N, C-alpha and C. Protein backbone atom coordinates (compact mmCIF):
# COMPACT_ATOMS: atom_id res chain seq x y z
N MET A 1 -5.55 -3.85 -16.48
CA MET A 1 -5.99 -2.49 -16.28
C MET A 1 -7.49 -2.43 -16.31
N VAL A 2 -8.09 -1.67 -15.42
CA VAL A 2 -9.52 -1.59 -15.29
C VAL A 2 -10.09 -0.56 -16.29
N SER A 3 -11.10 -0.96 -17.04
CA SER A 3 -11.64 -0.05 -18.01
C SER A 3 -12.79 0.67 -17.46
N PHE A 4 -12.74 1.99 -17.53
CA PHE A 4 -13.92 2.86 -17.05
C PHE A 4 -14.81 3.18 -18.19
N GLU A 5 -14.64 2.62 -19.26
CA GLU A 5 -15.53 2.91 -20.45
C GLU A 5 -16.90 2.31 -20.17
N MET A 6 -17.90 3.10 -20.57
CA MET A 6 -19.31 2.67 -20.31
C MET A 6 -19.82 2.00 -21.59
N ASN A 7 -19.69 0.72 -21.72
CA ASN A 7 -20.26 0.02 -22.84
C ASN A 7 -21.67 -0.41 -22.57
N ASP A 8 -22.27 -1.03 -23.53
CA ASP A 8 -23.71 -1.46 -23.35
C ASP A 8 -23.85 -2.54 -22.29
N ARG A 9 -22.88 -3.39 -22.14
CA ARG A 9 -22.98 -4.48 -21.14
C ARG A 9 -22.96 -3.84 -19.74
N LYS A 10 -22.16 -2.82 -19.51
CA LYS A 10 -22.13 -2.19 -18.24
C LYS A 10 -23.43 -1.36 -17.99
N LYS A 11 -23.97 -0.72 -19.00
CA LYS A 11 -25.20 0.03 -18.84
C LYS A 11 -26.33 -0.89 -18.45
N ILE A 12 -26.44 -2.04 -19.12
CA ILE A 12 -27.48 -3.07 -18.78
C ILE A 12 -27.23 -3.57 -17.37
N GLY A 13 -26.00 -3.81 -16.95
CA GLY A 13 -25.69 -4.25 -15.65
C GLY A 13 -26.07 -3.29 -14.56
N LEU A 14 -25.84 -1.99 -14.80
CA LEU A 14 -26.19 -1.00 -13.90
C LEU A 14 -27.77 -0.85 -13.75
N GLY A 15 -28.42 -1.01 -14.94
CA GLY A 15 -29.89 -1.02 -14.90
C GLY A 15 -30.47 -2.21 -14.13
N LEU A 16 -29.92 -3.42 -14.35
CA LEU A 16 -30.36 -4.60 -13.60
C LEU A 16 -30.08 -4.44 -12.09
N THR A 17 -28.89 -3.88 -11.79
CA THR A 17 -28.62 -3.64 -10.36
C THR A 17 -29.63 -2.68 -9.74
N GLY A 18 -29.93 -1.56 -10.45
CA GLY A 18 -30.91 -0.66 -9.92
C GLY A 18 -32.30 -1.29 -9.77
N PHE A 19 -32.74 -2.05 -10.76
CA PHE A 19 -34.02 -2.75 -10.60
C PHE A 19 -34.00 -3.75 -9.49
N GLY A 20 -32.84 -4.46 -9.28
CA GLY A 20 -32.73 -5.34 -8.15
C GLY A 20 -32.89 -4.66 -6.83
N ILE A 21 -32.29 -3.52 -6.66
CA ILE A 21 -32.42 -2.74 -5.45
C ILE A 21 -33.92 -2.27 -5.27
N PHE A 22 -34.52 -1.89 -6.43
CA PHE A 22 -35.93 -1.37 -6.38
C PHE A 22 -36.84 -2.55 -5.97
N PHE A 23 -36.68 -3.78 -6.53
CA PHE A 23 -37.55 -4.84 -6.22
C PHE A 23 -37.30 -5.33 -4.82
N SER A 24 -36.07 -5.25 -4.32
CA SER A 24 -35.84 -5.62 -2.97
C SER A 24 -36.53 -4.61 -1.99
N PHE A 25 -36.48 -3.35 -2.39
CA PHE A 25 -37.17 -2.30 -1.57
C PHE A 25 -38.68 -2.60 -1.58
N LEU A 26 -39.25 -2.89 -2.74
CA LEU A 26 -40.63 -3.24 -2.79
C LEU A 26 -40.98 -4.45 -1.92
N GLY A 27 -40.16 -5.45 -1.92
CA GLY A 27 -40.33 -6.62 -1.14
C GLY A 27 -40.35 -6.31 0.31
N ILE A 28 -39.52 -5.43 0.78
CA ILE A 28 -39.56 -5.04 2.20
C ILE A 28 -40.73 -4.19 2.49
N ILE A 29 -41.14 -3.27 1.60
CA ILE A 29 -42.29 -2.43 1.85
C ILE A 29 -43.57 -3.26 1.92
N PHE A 30 -43.66 -4.30 1.09
CA PHE A 30 -44.83 -5.16 1.13
C PHE A 30 -44.66 -6.35 2.10
N PHE A 31 -44.21 -6.03 3.26
CA PHE A 31 -44.07 -6.91 4.39
C PHE A 31 -43.35 -8.26 4.04
N PHE A 32 -42.16 -8.03 3.49
CA PHE A 32 -41.25 -9.16 3.18
C PHE A 32 -41.86 -10.12 2.19
N ASP A 33 -42.41 -9.60 1.10
CA ASP A 33 -42.92 -10.48 0.10
C ASP A 33 -41.78 -11.20 -0.60
N LYS A 34 -41.93 -12.58 -0.57
CA LYS A 34 -40.76 -13.46 -1.02
C LYS A 34 -40.59 -13.30 -2.52
N GLY A 35 -41.65 -13.04 -3.28
CA GLY A 35 -41.53 -12.95 -4.75
C GLY A 35 -40.72 -11.67 -5.16
N PHE A 36 -41.04 -10.54 -4.54
CA PHE A 36 -40.25 -9.33 -4.79
C PHE A 36 -38.83 -9.46 -4.39
N LEU A 37 -38.66 -10.07 -3.22
CA LEU A 37 -37.29 -10.21 -2.66
C LEU A 37 -36.46 -11.11 -3.55
N ALA A 38 -37.04 -12.23 -3.97
CA ALA A 38 -36.29 -13.21 -4.82
C ALA A 38 -35.97 -12.49 -6.21
N MET A 39 -36.92 -11.80 -6.72
CA MET A 39 -36.69 -11.14 -8.03
C MET A 39 -35.58 -10.02 -7.84
N GLY A 40 -35.63 -9.30 -6.71
CA GLY A 40 -34.62 -8.29 -6.43
C GLY A 40 -33.23 -8.89 -6.28
N ASN A 41 -33.15 -10.03 -5.65
CA ASN A 41 -31.86 -10.75 -5.47
C ASN A 41 -31.30 -11.20 -6.81
N ILE A 42 -32.10 -11.76 -7.68
CA ILE A 42 -31.67 -12.30 -8.91
C ILE A 42 -31.26 -11.10 -9.79
N LEU A 43 -32.04 -10.06 -9.84
CA LEU A 43 -31.61 -8.90 -10.68
C LEU A 43 -30.32 -8.21 -10.13
N PHE A 44 -30.24 -8.07 -8.80
CA PHE A 44 -29.05 -7.48 -8.25
C PHE A 44 -27.82 -8.26 -8.54
N PHE A 45 -27.84 -9.52 -8.36
CA PHE A 45 -26.71 -10.37 -8.59
C PHE A 45 -26.30 -10.42 -10.04
N SER A 46 -27.33 -10.58 -10.97
CA SER A 46 -27.02 -10.55 -12.35
C SER A 46 -26.52 -9.17 -12.82
N GLY A 47 -26.92 -8.14 -12.21
CA GLY A 47 -26.54 -6.74 -12.55
C GLY A 47 -25.06 -6.53 -12.15
N VAL A 48 -24.74 -6.99 -10.96
CA VAL A 48 -23.36 -6.86 -10.55
C VAL A 48 -22.41 -7.63 -11.39
N THR A 49 -22.87 -8.82 -11.77
CA THR A 49 -22.02 -9.72 -12.63
C THR A 49 -21.86 -9.06 -14.02
N LEU A 50 -22.90 -8.54 -14.57
CA LEU A 50 -22.75 -7.83 -15.89
C LEU A 50 -21.88 -6.61 -15.81
N THR A 51 -22.02 -5.89 -14.70
CA THR A 51 -21.31 -4.58 -14.58
C THR A 51 -19.80 -4.80 -14.46
N ILE A 52 -19.37 -5.68 -13.60
CA ILE A 52 -17.95 -5.86 -13.41
C ILE A 52 -17.36 -7.08 -14.19
N GLY A 53 -18.20 -7.87 -14.78
CA GLY A 53 -17.78 -8.98 -15.57
C GLY A 53 -17.83 -10.30 -14.81
N PRO A 54 -18.01 -11.43 -15.53
CA PRO A 54 -18.16 -12.72 -14.81
C PRO A 54 -16.87 -13.12 -14.12
N LYS A 55 -15.72 -12.89 -14.71
CA LYS A 55 -14.44 -13.33 -14.11
C LYS A 55 -14.14 -12.46 -12.86
N SER A 56 -14.33 -11.14 -12.93
CA SER A 56 -14.13 -10.35 -11.75
C SER A 56 -15.13 -10.66 -10.61
N SER A 57 -16.40 -11.01 -11.06
CA SER A 57 -17.40 -11.34 -10.05
C SER A 57 -16.96 -12.61 -9.32
N MET A 58 -16.48 -13.60 -10.04
CA MET A 58 -16.06 -14.80 -9.38
C MET A 58 -14.83 -14.55 -8.44
N GLN A 59 -13.95 -13.71 -8.85
CA GLN A 59 -12.79 -13.41 -8.04
C GLN A 59 -13.22 -12.63 -6.77
N PHE A 60 -14.17 -11.73 -6.96
CA PHE A 60 -14.67 -10.92 -5.77
C PHE A 60 -15.34 -11.83 -4.79
N PHE A 61 -16.32 -12.62 -5.23
CA PHE A 61 -17.13 -13.36 -4.36
C PHE A 61 -16.37 -14.63 -3.72
N MET A 62 -15.34 -15.06 -4.44
CA MET A 62 -14.60 -16.21 -3.96
C MET A 62 -13.26 -15.82 -3.27
N LYS A 63 -13.08 -14.56 -3.05
CA LYS A 63 -11.86 -14.11 -2.31
C LYS A 63 -11.93 -14.66 -0.90
N ARG A 64 -10.86 -15.05 -0.35
CA ARG A 64 -10.83 -15.63 1.01
C ARG A 64 -11.43 -14.65 2.09
N SER A 65 -11.14 -13.40 1.93
CA SER A 65 -11.62 -12.45 2.91
C SER A 65 -13.11 -12.19 2.69
N ASN A 66 -13.72 -12.60 1.63
CA ASN A 66 -15.13 -12.42 1.40
C ASN A 66 -16.01 -13.61 1.58
N PHE A 67 -15.40 -14.78 2.06
CA PHE A 67 -16.18 -16.02 2.19
C PHE A 67 -17.33 -15.84 3.15
N LYS A 68 -17.08 -15.22 4.27
CA LYS A 68 -18.18 -15.09 5.24
C LYS A 68 -19.35 -14.34 4.68
N GLY A 69 -19.06 -13.20 3.91
CA GLY A 69 -20.14 -12.46 3.34
C GLY A 69 -20.85 -13.22 2.20
N THR A 70 -20.05 -13.92 1.38
CA THR A 70 -20.61 -14.69 0.29
C THR A 70 -21.49 -15.78 0.80
N ILE A 71 -21.08 -16.51 1.81
CA ILE A 71 -21.93 -17.59 2.40
C ILE A 71 -23.16 -17.08 3.01
N SER A 72 -23.08 -15.99 3.78
CA SER A 72 -24.28 -15.49 4.45
C SER A 72 -25.24 -14.87 3.39
N PHE A 73 -24.69 -14.25 2.38
CA PHE A 73 -25.59 -13.70 1.34
C PHE A 73 -26.30 -14.85 0.60
N GLY A 74 -25.57 -15.89 0.32
CA GLY A 74 -26.14 -17.05 -0.44
C GLY A 74 -27.15 -17.78 0.44
N LEU A 75 -26.81 -17.92 1.76
CA LEU A 75 -27.80 -18.57 2.64
C LEU A 75 -29.04 -17.73 2.80
N GLY A 76 -28.87 -16.39 2.87
CA GLY A 76 -30.05 -15.51 2.93
C GLY A 76 -30.89 -15.61 1.68
N PHE A 77 -30.25 -15.71 0.56
CA PHE A 77 -31.01 -15.82 -0.73
C PHE A 77 -31.80 -17.14 -0.73
N PHE A 78 -31.14 -18.21 -0.20
CA PHE A 78 -31.83 -19.52 -0.15
C PHE A 78 -33.05 -19.42 0.86
N PHE A 79 -32.83 -18.77 2.00
CA PHE A 79 -34.01 -18.66 2.93
C PHE A 79 -35.08 -17.88 2.31
N VAL A 80 -34.78 -16.91 1.52
CA VAL A 80 -35.89 -16.10 0.88
C VAL A 80 -36.67 -17.01 -0.08
N LEU A 81 -35.93 -17.84 -0.80
CA LEU A 81 -36.57 -18.72 -1.80
C LEU A 81 -37.44 -19.85 -1.15
N ILE A 82 -37.08 -20.32 0.01
CA ILE A 82 -37.82 -21.37 0.63
C ILE A 82 -38.96 -20.83 1.46
N GLY A 83 -39.10 -19.54 1.61
CA GLY A 83 -40.16 -18.92 2.28
C GLY A 83 -39.91 -18.36 3.68
N TRP A 84 -38.74 -18.14 4.04
CA TRP A 84 -38.35 -17.45 5.27
C TRP A 84 -37.73 -16.11 4.98
N PRO A 85 -38.49 -15.14 4.47
CA PRO A 85 -37.90 -13.85 3.99
C PRO A 85 -37.29 -12.99 5.03
N ILE A 86 -37.80 -13.00 6.28
CA ILE A 86 -37.26 -12.11 7.31
C ILE A 86 -35.77 -12.61 7.67
N TRP A 87 -35.67 -13.98 7.94
CA TRP A 87 -34.36 -14.46 8.26
C TRP A 87 -33.42 -14.34 7.05
N GLY A 88 -33.97 -14.56 5.88
CA GLY A 88 -33.17 -14.41 4.67
C GLY A 88 -32.65 -12.95 4.51
N MET A 89 -33.48 -12.02 4.72
CA MET A 89 -33.05 -10.62 4.61
C MET A 89 -32.02 -10.18 5.69
N ILE A 90 -32.19 -10.73 6.89
CA ILE A 90 -31.19 -10.49 7.93
C ILE A 90 -29.82 -11.03 7.54
N LEU A 91 -29.81 -12.24 7.00
CA LEU A 91 -28.52 -12.80 6.61
C LEU A 91 -27.97 -12.17 5.40
N GLU A 92 -28.85 -11.74 4.44
CA GLU A 92 -28.37 -11.02 3.26
C GLU A 92 -27.78 -9.66 3.67
N THR A 93 -28.46 -8.98 4.55
CA THR A 93 -27.99 -7.67 4.96
C THR A 93 -26.55 -7.80 5.57
N TYR A 94 -26.42 -8.76 6.49
CA TYR A 94 -25.07 -9.02 7.07
C TYR A 94 -24.04 -9.33 5.96
N GLY A 95 -24.42 -10.19 5.04
CA GLY A 95 -23.51 -10.53 3.95
C GLY A 95 -23.17 -9.38 3.09
N PHE A 96 -24.14 -8.50 2.80
CA PHE A 96 -23.91 -7.27 2.06
C PHE A 96 -22.93 -6.37 2.71
N ILE A 97 -23.11 -6.20 3.98
CA ILE A 97 -22.26 -5.32 4.73
C ILE A 97 -20.79 -5.87 4.77
N VAL A 98 -20.67 -7.21 4.98
CA VAL A 98 -19.32 -7.74 5.01
C VAL A 98 -18.69 -7.71 3.65
N LEU A 99 -19.51 -8.04 2.59
CA LEU A 99 -18.93 -8.09 1.21
C LEU A 99 -18.45 -6.67 0.72
N PHE A 100 -19.28 -5.70 0.96
CA PHE A 100 -18.99 -4.37 0.42
C PHE A 100 -18.50 -3.41 1.45
N SER A 101 -17.90 -3.89 2.55
CA SER A 101 -17.39 -3.00 3.60
C SER A 101 -16.20 -2.20 3.08
N GLY A 102 -15.47 -2.68 2.12
CA GLY A 102 -14.34 -1.95 1.64
C GLY A 102 -14.72 -0.74 0.76
N PHE A 103 -15.97 -0.68 0.33
CA PHE A 103 -16.43 0.39 -0.50
C PHE A 103 -17.06 1.59 0.29
N TRP A 104 -17.25 1.41 1.58
CA TRP A 104 -17.94 2.48 2.39
C TRP A 104 -17.10 3.76 2.38
N PRO A 105 -15.83 3.73 2.59
CA PRO A 105 -15.08 5.04 2.49
C PRO A 105 -15.24 5.74 1.16
N THR A 106 -15.20 4.95 0.09
CA THR A 106 -15.30 5.54 -1.28
C THR A 106 -16.69 6.18 -1.38
N LEU A 107 -17.76 5.49 -0.84
CA LEU A 107 -19.13 6.01 -0.95
C LEU A 107 -19.22 7.25 -0.12
N ALA A 108 -18.54 7.33 1.04
CA ALA A 108 -18.59 8.48 1.89
C ALA A 108 -18.02 9.68 1.19
N VAL A 109 -16.85 9.52 0.54
CA VAL A 109 -16.26 10.66 -0.19
C VAL A 109 -17.20 11.10 -1.31
N PHE A 110 -17.76 10.17 -2.01
CA PHE A 110 -18.74 10.49 -3.07
C PHE A 110 -19.89 11.29 -2.52
N LEU A 111 -20.46 10.86 -1.38
CA LEU A 111 -21.60 11.59 -0.75
C LEU A 111 -21.20 12.94 -0.29
N GLN A 112 -19.99 13.14 0.16
CA GLN A 112 -19.58 14.48 0.57
C GLN A 112 -19.49 15.48 -0.54
N LYS A 113 -19.46 14.99 -1.78
CA LYS A 113 -19.39 15.89 -2.93
C LYS A 113 -20.72 16.30 -3.48
N ILE A 114 -21.83 15.67 -2.94
CA ILE A 114 -23.16 16.03 -3.45
C ILE A 114 -23.58 17.30 -2.72
N PRO A 115 -24.13 18.28 -3.47
CA PRO A 115 -24.34 19.58 -2.88
C PRO A 115 -25.02 19.67 -1.52
N ILE A 116 -26.21 19.23 -1.39
CA ILE A 116 -26.91 19.38 -0.11
C ILE A 116 -26.60 18.34 0.88
N LEU A 117 -26.50 17.09 0.39
CA LEU A 117 -26.25 15.97 1.23
C LEU A 117 -24.78 15.97 1.70
N GLY A 118 -23.92 16.58 0.96
CA GLY A 118 -22.49 16.69 1.28
C GLY A 118 -22.28 17.47 2.52
N TRP A 119 -23.06 18.52 2.74
CA TRP A 119 -23.01 19.31 3.92
C TRP A 119 -23.10 18.44 5.18
N LEU A 120 -24.12 17.56 5.15
CA LEU A 120 -24.38 16.70 6.31
C LEU A 120 -23.18 15.74 6.54
N PHE A 121 -22.62 15.22 5.50
CA PHE A 121 -21.49 14.29 5.61
C PHE A 121 -20.17 15.02 5.96
N GLN A 122 -20.16 16.29 5.91
CA GLN A 122 -18.91 17.05 6.24
C GLN A 122 -18.96 17.52 7.68
N GLN A 123 -19.98 17.19 8.42
CA GLN A 123 -20.09 17.60 9.83
C GLN A 123 -18.95 16.84 10.62
N PRO A 124 -18.47 17.48 11.71
CA PRO A 124 -17.32 16.90 12.41
C PRO A 124 -17.52 15.42 12.92
N TYR A 125 -18.70 15.14 13.45
CA TYR A 125 -18.94 13.79 13.98
C TYR A 125 -18.95 12.75 12.83
N VAL A 126 -19.55 13.08 11.73
CA VAL A 126 -19.60 12.10 10.57
C VAL A 126 -18.20 11.94 10.03
N ARG A 127 -17.46 13.06 9.85
CA ARG A 127 -16.18 12.98 9.31
C ARG A 127 -15.18 12.18 10.15
N SER A 128 -15.26 12.39 11.50
CA SER A 128 -14.46 11.58 12.38
C SER A 128 -14.72 10.10 12.24
N PHE A 129 -15.99 9.81 12.12
CA PHE A 129 -16.42 8.36 12.00
C PHE A 129 -15.81 7.76 10.69
N VAL A 130 -16.03 8.51 9.63
CA VAL A 130 -15.48 8.05 8.30
C VAL A 130 -13.96 7.97 8.35
N ASP A 131 -13.24 8.92 8.96
CA ASP A 131 -11.82 8.89 8.98
C ASP A 131 -11.27 7.68 9.89
N ARG A 132 -12.02 7.40 10.91
CA ARG A 132 -11.65 6.29 11.80
C ARG A 132 -11.87 4.99 11.04
N TYR A 133 -12.94 4.98 10.31
CA TYR A 133 -13.23 3.76 9.53
C TYR A 133 -12.19 3.55 8.43
N ARG A 134 -11.70 4.58 7.89
CA ARG A 134 -10.62 4.44 6.84
C ARG A 134 -9.30 4.00 7.41
N GLY A 135 -9.14 4.26 8.77
CA GLY A 135 -7.89 3.79 9.37
C GLY A 135 -6.99 4.94 9.73
N ARG A 136 -7.38 6.14 9.43
CA ARG A 136 -6.59 7.35 9.76
C ARG A 136 -6.67 7.53 11.31
N ARG A 137 -5.65 8.15 11.89
CA ARG A 137 -5.65 8.57 13.24
C ARG A 137 -6.36 9.94 13.37
N VAL A 138 -7.41 9.96 14.11
CA VAL A 138 -8.10 11.25 14.34
C VAL A 138 -7.98 11.61 15.79
N PRO A 139 -7.64 12.85 16.10
CA PRO A 139 -7.61 13.26 17.53
C PRO A 139 -9.01 13.25 18.06
N VAL A 140 -9.12 12.71 19.33
CA VAL A 140 -10.51 12.63 19.95
C VAL A 140 -10.72 13.75 20.85
């Protein structure tokens, strides 16, 4: 059973994940600075691991359907570390999209419930795209 209780480990994990995203954003803003990007990757990965737990992280990243995303994310991280930040970020972005593609419909439902932003995501074109991505049949 999955625990939705917010303990200290999960709070720290969410904080580390947020700082990882922030440092990655700074690395991109500062013309692909490899120091910021590497720090963002380390914080993001450790934050996700703390948030969902080490065992669940290993199961998620080592799942057969996630191998392509895990390998490209890891290769991108390696490229950032050796000094090729643009290629590294391209590979990491691809890996991120492949790894977390199952969460996009959940994110879309969450965004639809935000007051001002939700109006934008409830427009017919966006809703039809989200519904198609979920696998529902939508009349064209």
